[in-house]
Amino acid sequence: MDVSLTPELEKIIRSKVESGRYLSASEVVGEALRLLEERDRIREMRLEELRKEIQIGIDQADRGEVAPLDVQGSLATVRRRRRDGKDVG
């Protein structure tokens, strides 16, 4: 398989090999692909969890177990979290 890399990516790979942590460019690329797969699995797990949470909310709404939307209160909470440097999402 032939892969074209930008000069910047080639430099990163060379640097990793020269550091002694990897024996070859193939090892660097292999590790990068393993990490990419791991990131994709984590993202998929988070997405599945989000879908479950959304379904719980839909089920609660279908049963009438909802409170009126407080837009101003929600915005105030988001603004406060951003101001305090806390994760909003």
C-alpha atoms as a PDB file:
ATOM      1  CA  MET A   1       0.000   0.000   0.000  1.00  0.00           C
ATOM      2  CA  ASP A   2       1.330   3.406  -0.935  1.00  0.00           C
ATOM      3  CA  VAL A   3       0.391   6.365   1.207  1.00  0.00           C
ATOM      4  CA  SER A   4       1.218   9.975   0.448  1.00  0.00           C
ATOM      5  CA  LEU A   5       2.015  12.124   3.457  1.00  0.00           C
ATOM      6  CA  THR A   6       2.457  15.825   3.809  1.00  0.00           C
ATOM      7  CA  PRO A   7       5.960  16.996   4.706  1.00  0.00           C
ATOM      8  CA  GLU A   8       4.662  17.875   8.182  1.00  0.00           C
ATOM      9  CA  LEU A   9       3.405  14.328   8.781  1.00  0.00           C
ATOM     10  CA  GLU A  10       6.654  12.861   7.478  1.00  0.00           C
ATOM     11  CA  LYS A  11       8.539  15.085   9.915  1.00  0.00           C
ATOM     12  CA  ILE A  12       6.392  13.886  12.825  1.00  0.00           C
ATOM     13  CA  ILE A  13       6.970  10.251  11.888  1.00  0.00           C
ATOM     14  CA  ARG A  14      10.716  10.767  11.482  1.00  0.00           C
ATOM     15  CA  SER A  15      10.843  12.514  14.847  1.00  0.00           C
ATOM     16  CA  LYS A  16       9.020   9.635  16.553  1.00  0.00           C
ATOM     17  CA  VAL A  17      11.420   7.074  15.082  1.00  0.00           C
ATOM     18  CA  GLU A  18      14.473   9.198  15.945  1.00  0.00           C
ATOM     19  CA  SER A  19      13.259   9.477  19.539  1.00  0.00           C
ATOM     20  CA  GLY A  20      13.834   5.738  19.868  1.00  0.00           C
ATOM     21  CA  ARG A  21      10.315   5.030  21.004  1.00  0.00           C
ATOM     22  CA  TYR A  22       9.471   3.407  17.658  1.00  0.00           C
ATOM     23  CA  LEU A  23      11.724   1.244  15.506  1.00  0.00           C
ATOM     24  CA  SER A  24      10.200   2.223  12.180  1.00  0.00           C
ATOM     25  CA  ALA A  25       7.760   4.491  10.401  1.00  0.00           C
ATOM     26  CA  SER A  26       5.439   1.492  10.110  1.00  0.00           C
ATOM     27  CA  GLU A  27       5.303   1.203  13.895  1.00  0.00           C
ATOM     28  CA  VAL A  28       4.423   4.892  14.210  1.00  0.00           C
ATOM     29  CA  VAL A  29       1.660   4.607  11.625  1.00  0.00           C
ATOM     30  CA  GLY A  30       0.376   1.386  13.206  1.00  0.00           C
ATOM     31  CA  GLU A  31       0.185   3.016  16.626  1.00  0.00           C
ATOM     32  CA  ALA A  32      -1.560   6.044  15.135  1.00  0.00           C
ATOM     33  CA  LEU A  33      -4.151   3.802  13.505  1.00  0.00           C
ATOM     34  CA  ARG A  34      -4.717   1.862  16.747  1.00  0.00           C
ATOM     35  CA  LEU A  35      -5.293   5.148  18.560  1.00  0.00           C
ATOM     36  CA  LEU A  36      -7.671   6.293  15.826  1.00  0.00           C
ATOM     37  CA  GLU A  37      -9.653   3.068  16.187  1.00  0.00           C
ATOM     38  CA  GLU A  38      -9.774   3.509  19.959  1.00  0.00           C
ATOM     39  CA  ARG A  39     -10.978   7.100  19.578  1.00  0.00           C
ATOM     40  CA  ASP A  40     -13.654   5.988  17.118  1.00  0.00           C
ATOM     41  CA  ARG A  41     -14.838   3.241  19.517  1.00  0.00           C
ATOM     42  CA  ILE A  42     -15.042   5.732  22.389  1.00  0.00           C
ATOM     43  CA  ARG A  43     -16.940   8.195  20.209  1.00  0.00           C
ATOM     44  CA  GLU A  44     -19.373   5.467  19.164  1.00  0.00           C
ATOM     45  CA  MET A  45     -19.899   4.416  22.796  1.00  0.00           C
ATOM     46  CA  ARG A  46     -20.602   8.023  23.770  1.00  0.00           C
ATOM     47  CA  LEU A  47     -23.002   8.400  20.866  1.00  0.00           C
ATOM     48  CA  GLU A  48     -24.832   5.217  21.865  1.00  0.00           C
ATOM     49  CA  GLU A  49     -25.069   6.467  25.458  1.00  0.00           C
ATOM     50  CA  LEU A  50     -26.456   9.771  24.206  1.00  0.00           C
ATOM     51  CA  ARG A  51     -29.048   7.928  22.125  1.00  0.00           C
ATOM     52  CA  LYS A  52     -30.099   5.979  25.233  1.00  0.00           C
ATOM     53  CA  GLU A  53     -30.405   9.193  27.246  1.00  0.00           C
ATOM     54  CA  ILE A  54     -32.452  10.809  24.483  1.00  0.00           C
ATOM     55  CA  GLN A  55     -34.737   7.782  24.386  1.00  0.00           C
ATOM     56  CA  ILE A  56     -35.209   7.993  28.152  1.00  0.00           C
ATOM     57  CA  GLY A  57     -36.249  11.633  27.735  1.00  0.00           C
ATOM     58  CA  ILE A  58     -38.631  10.760  24.909  1.00  0.00           C
ATOM     59  CA  ASP A  59     -40.176   7.987  26.993  1.00  0.00           C
ATOM     60  CA  GLN A  60     -40.573  10.356  29.951  1.00  0.00           C
ATOM     61  CA  ALA A  61     -42.192  12.966  27.710  1.00  0.00           C
ATOM     62  CA  ASP A  62     -44.554  10.351  26.288  1.00  0.00           C
ATOM     63  CA  ARG A  63     -45.612   9.533  29.865  1.00  0.00           C
ATOM     64  CA  GLY A  64     -46.091  13.222  30.643  1.00  0.00           C
ATOM     65  CA  GLU A  65     -43.151  13.301  33.058  1.00  0.00           C
ATOM     66  CA  VAL A  66     -41.775  16.627  31.875  1.00  0.00           C
ATOM     67  CA  ALA A  67     -41.377  20.081  33.330  1.00  0.00           C
ATOM     68  CA  PRO A  68     -41.950  23.293  31.393  1.00  0.00           C
ATOM     69  CA  LEU A  69     -38.854  24.521  29.573  1.00  0.00           C
ATOM     70  CA  ASP A  70     -37.099  27.309  31.433  1.00  0.00           C
ATOM     71  CA  VAL A  71     -35.075  28.920  28.644  1.00  0.00           C
ATOM     72  CA  GLN A  72     -33.781  31.805  30.756  1.00  0.00           C
ATOM     73  CA  GLY A  73     -32.774  29.477  33.577  1.00  0.00           C
ATOM     74  CA  SER A  74     -31.012  27.134  31.167  1.00  0.00           C
ATOM     75  CA  LEU A  75     -29.133  29.999  29.521  1.00  0.00           C
ATOM     76  CA  ALA A  76     -28.108  31.321  32.921  1.00  0.00           C
ATOM     77  CA  THR A  77     -26.733  27.909  33.862  1.00  0.00           C
ATOM     78  CA  VAL A  78     -24.749  27.654  30.615  1.00  0.00           C
ATOM     79  CA  ARG A  79     -23.373  31.161  31.037  1.00  0.00           C
ATOM     80  CA  ARG A  80     -22.402  30.463  34.641  1.00  0.00           C
ATOM     81  CA  ARG A  81     -20.627  27.225  33.681  1.00  0.00           C
ATOM     82  CA  ARG A  82     -18.738  28.951  30.877  1.00  0.00           C
ATOM     83  CA  ARG A  83     -17.749  31.775  33.175  1.00  0.00           C
ATOM     84  CA  ASP A  84     -16.547  29.285  35.787  1.00  0.00           C
ATOM     85  CA  GLY A  85     -14.661  27.286  33.163  1.00  0.00           C
ATOM     86  CA  LYS A  86     -16.759  24.167  33.582  1.00  0.00           C
ATOM     87  CA  ASP A  87     -17.690  21.809  30.779  1.00  0.00           C
ATOM     88  CA  VAL A  88     -20.962  22.913  29.212  1.00  0.00           C
ATOM     89  CA  GLY A  89     -21.468  19.926  26.922  1.00  0.00           C
END
